[in-house]
Amino acid sequence: MQFNRRLLSCGLRPVPRDPRLAEEERRVSAIFDRVERACPRLFRYSSRLTEQMGDGWMRNYLNTDGVLQLKEGALIFSLSHSFDGVYFGRESEWNEERSVDTPMCRE
């Protein structure tokens, strides 16, 4: 018995990234970084990958199976398989490099 095998491929071409989206990702990543620094025990071992999720942004944390999300101006941390979340405040509270009192992160 003889098999006829063929491999087909198409040429991929790079598509330039939308500069507005790249800037938005940098801005959101800076906010996520500030939250992580404010609460290092909870946010250690971050993937450091900020991803767009529909109309919001997210970052996963493997050590807690958690997700930090920024959606509609609110920062929420939740476990991947839970509907409950911890409110970390408004985006505007984290826009500047300053200390935000976060009860979840107190020693």
C-alpha atoms as a PDB file:
ATOM      1  CA  MET A   1       0.000   0.000   0.000  1.00  0.00           C
ATOM      2  CA  GLN A   2       1.357   3.400  -0.909  1.00  0.00           C
ATOM      3  CA  PHE A   3       0.472   6.670   0.790  1.00  0.00           C
ATOM      4  CA  ASN A   4       0.592   9.972  -0.976  1.00  0.00           C
ATOM      5  CA  ARG A   5       1.767  12.627   1.509  1.00  0.00           C
ATOM      6  CA  ARG A   6       1.768  16.311   0.821  1.00  0.00           C
ATOM      7  CA  LEU A   7       2.720  19.186   2.963  1.00  0.00           C
ATOM      8  CA  LEU A   8       1.212  22.524   2.137  1.00  0.00           C
ATOM      9  CA  SER A   9       2.129  25.813   3.679  1.00  0.00           C
ATOM     10  CA  CYS A  10       1.508  29.415   3.029  1.00  0.00           C
ATOM     11  CA  GLY A  11       3.896  32.295   3.356  1.00  0.00           C
ATOM     12  CA  LEU A  12       3.354  34.447   6.428  1.00  0.00           C
ATOM     13  CA  ARG A  13       4.055  38.110   6.353  1.00  0.00           C
ATOM     14  CA  PRO A  14       4.658  40.243   9.417  1.00  0.00           C
ATOM     15  CA  VAL A  15       1.949  42.746  10.203  1.00  0.00           C
ATOM     16  CA  PRO A  16       3.071  45.906  11.961  1.00  0.00           C
ATOM     17  CA  ARG A  17       1.585  46.283  15.410  1.00  0.00           C
ATOM     18  CA  ASP A  18      -0.823  49.132  16.013  1.00  0.00           C
ATOM     19  CA  PRO A  19       1.248  51.729  17.925  1.00  0.00           C
ATOM     20  CA  ARG A  20      -1.792  52.762  19.986  1.00  0.00           C
ATOM     21  CA  LEU A  21      -2.275  49.180  21.180  1.00  0.00           C
ATOM     22  CA  ALA A  22       1.438  48.854  22.004  1.00  0.00           C
ATOM     23  CA  GLU A  23       1.315  52.074  24.047  1.00  0.00           C
ATOM     24  CA  GLU A  24      -1.832  50.913  25.880  1.00  0.00           C
ATOM     25  CA  GLU A  25      -0.109  47.618  26.752  1.00  0.00           C
ATOM     26  CA  ARG A  26       2.937  49.497  28.132  1.00  0.00           C
ATOM     27  CA  ARG A  27       0.667  51.728  30.241  1.00  0.00           C
ATOM     28  CA  VAL A  28      -1.330  48.796  31.637  1.00  0.00           C
ATOM     29  CA  SER A  29       1.837  46.773  32.278  1.00  0.00           C
ATOM     30  CA  ALA A  30       3.196  49.659  34.359  1.00  0.00           C
ATOM     31  CA  ILE A  31       0.010  49.642  36.460  1.00  0.00           C
ATOM     32  CA  PHE A  32       0.218  45.858  36.946  1.00  0.00           C
ATOM     33  CA  ASP A  33       3.887  46.251  37.953  1.00  0.00           C
ATOM     34  CA  ARG A  34       2.898  48.811  40.615  1.00  0.00           C
ATOM     35  CA  VAL A  35       0.254  46.463  42.031  1.00  0.00           C
ATOM     36  CA  GLU A  36       2.821  43.638  42.138  1.00  0.00           C
ATOM     37  CA  ARG A  37       5.339  45.819  43.998  1.00  0.00           C
ATOM     38  CA  ALA A  38       2.653  46.838  46.520  1.00  0.00           C
ATOM     39  CA  CYS A  39       1.818  43.196  47.263  1.00  0.00           C
ATOM     40  CA  PRO A  40       4.888  41.032  46.538  1.00  0.00           C
ATOM     41  CA  ARG A  41       3.782  38.025  48.606  1.00  0.00           C
ATOM     42  CA  LEU A  42       0.671  37.582  46.490  1.00  0.00           C
ATOM     43  CA  PHE A  43       2.100  38.459  43.088  1.00  0.00           C
ATOM     44  CA  ARG A  44       5.458  36.702  43.011  1.00  0.00           C
ATOM     45  CA  TYR A  45       6.239  34.404  40.097  1.00  0.00           C
ATOM     46  CA  SER A  46       4.314  36.510  37.632  1.00  0.00           C
ATOM     47  CA  SER A  47       4.313  35.528  34.012  1.00  0.00           C
ATOM     48  CA  ARG A  48       5.093  39.214  33.313  1.00  0.00           C
ATOM     49  CA  LEU A  49       2.934  38.830  30.222  1.00  0.00           C
ATOM     50  CA  THR A  50       0.167  41.377  29.883  1.00  0.00           C
ATOM     51  CA  GLU A  51      -2.550  40.211  27.533  1.00  0.00           C
ATOM     52  CA  GLN A  52      -5.538  41.927  26.024  1.00  0.00           C
ATOM     53  CA  MET A  53      -8.779  40.223  26.953  1.00  0.00           C
ATOM     54  CA  GLY A  54     -11.757  41.544  25.015  1.00  0.00           C
ATOM     55  CA  ASP A  55     -12.158  45.108  26.219  1.00  0.00           C
ATOM     56  CA  GLY A  56      -9.796  44.651  29.182  1.00  0.00           C
ATOM     57  CA  TRP A  57      -6.317  43.460  30.117  1.00  0.00           C
ATOM     58  CA  MET A  58      -5.012  40.628  32.275  1.00  0.00           C
ATOM     59  CA  ARG A  59      -1.895  39.084  33.783  1.00  0.00           C
ATOM     60  CA  ASN A  60      -1.712  35.484  35.100  1.00  0.00           C
ATOM     61  CA  TYR A  61       0.072  34.326  38.271  1.00  0.00           C
ATOM     62  CA  LEU A  62       1.089  30.690  38.310  1.00  0.00           C
ATOM     63  CA  ASN A  63       1.821  30.423  42.050  1.00  0.00           C
ATOM     64  CA  THR A  64      -1.748  31.320  43.023  1.00  0.00           C
ATOM     65  CA  ASP A  65      -3.651  30.260  39.898  1.00  0.00           C
ATOM     66  CA  GLY A  66      -4.824  33.850  39.913  1.00  0.00           C
ATOM     67  CA  VAL A  67      -5.498  36.548  37.375  1.00  0.00           C
ATOM     68  CA  LEU A  68      -5.164  40.311  37.757  1.00  0.00           C
ATOM     69  CA  GLN A  69      -7.570  42.082  35.454  1.00  0.00           C
ATOM     70  CA  LEU A  70      -8.083  45.675  34.442  1.00  0.00           C
ATOM     71  CA  LYS A  71     -11.534  46.149  33.012  1.00  0.00           C
ATOM     72  CA  GLU A  72     -13.665  49.268  32.825  1.00  0.00           C
ATOM     73  CA  GLY A  73     -11.171  51.073  35.037  1.00  0.00           C
ATOM     74  CA  ALA A  74     -11.278  48.545  37.895  1.00  0.00           C
ATOM     75  CA  LEU A  75      -8.432  46.307  39.050  1.00  0.00           C
ATOM     76  CA  ILE A  76      -9.672  42.899  40.198  1.00  0.00           C
ATOM     77  CA  PHE A  77      -7.666  39.868  41.331  1.00  0.00           C
ATOM     78  CA  SER A  78      -9.448  36.527  41.169  1.00  0.00           C
ATOM     79  CA  LEU A  79      -8.626  32.868  41.134  1.00  0.00           C
ATOM     80  CA  SER A  80      -8.902  31.356  37.682  1.00  0.00           C
ATOM     81  CA  HIS A  81     -11.814  29.100  38.565  1.00  0.00           C
ATOM     82  CA  SER A  82     -13.773  31.437  40.828  1.00  0.00           C
ATOM     83  CA  PHE A  83     -16.423  34.080  40.376  1.00  0.00           C
ATOM     84  CA  ASP A  84     -15.257  35.948  43.481  1.00  0.00           C
ATOM     85  CA  GLY A  85     -12.578  38.558  43.179  1.00  0.00           C
ATOM     86  CA  VAL A  86     -10.608  41.001  45.288  1.00  0.00           C
ATOM     87  CA  TYR A  87     -11.054  44.635  44.327  1.00  0.00           C
ATOM     88  CA  PHE A  88      -7.715  46.452  44.136  1.00  0.00           C
ATOM     89  CA  GLY A  89      -9.132  49.868  43.367  1.00  0.00           C
ATOM     90  CA  ARG A  90      -9.563  52.072  40.350  1.00  0.00           C
ATOM     91  CA  GLU A  91      -7.038  52.345  37.562  1.00  0.00           C
ATOM     92  CA  SER A  92      -6.638  56.046  38.321  1.00  0.00           C
ATOM     93  CA  GLU A  93      -5.389  55.236  41.833  1.00  0.00           C
ATOM     94  CA  TRP A  94      -2.499  53.233  40.360  1.00  0.00           C
ATOM     95  CA  ASN A  95      -1.592  55.603  37.510  1.00  0.00           C
ATOM     96  CA  GLU A  96       1.134  57.304  39.477  1.00  0.00           C
ATOM     97  CA  GLU A  97       4.097  55.893  41.341  1.00  0.00           C
ATOM     98  CA  ARG A  98       2.749  56.246  44.863  1.00  0.00           C
ATOM     99  CA  SER A  99       1.689  54.013  47.719  1.00  0.00           C
ATOM    100  CA  VAL A 100      -1.873  52.693  47.553  1.00  0.00           C
ATOM    101  CA  ASP A 101      -3.284  51.291  50.797  1.00  0.00           C
ATOM    102  CA  THR A 102      -4.373  47.806  49.809  1.00  0.00           C
ATOM    103  CA  PRO A 103      -5.818  45.798  52.732  1.00  0.00           C
ATOM    104  CA  MET A 104      -5.146  42.512  50.922  1.00  0.00           C
ATOM    105  CA  CYS A 105      -1.404  43.279  50.877  1.00  0.00           C
ATOM    106  CA  ARG A 106      -0.844  44.373  54.452  1.00  0.00           C
ATOM    107  CA  GLU A 107       1.734  42.343  56.375  1.00  0.00           C
END
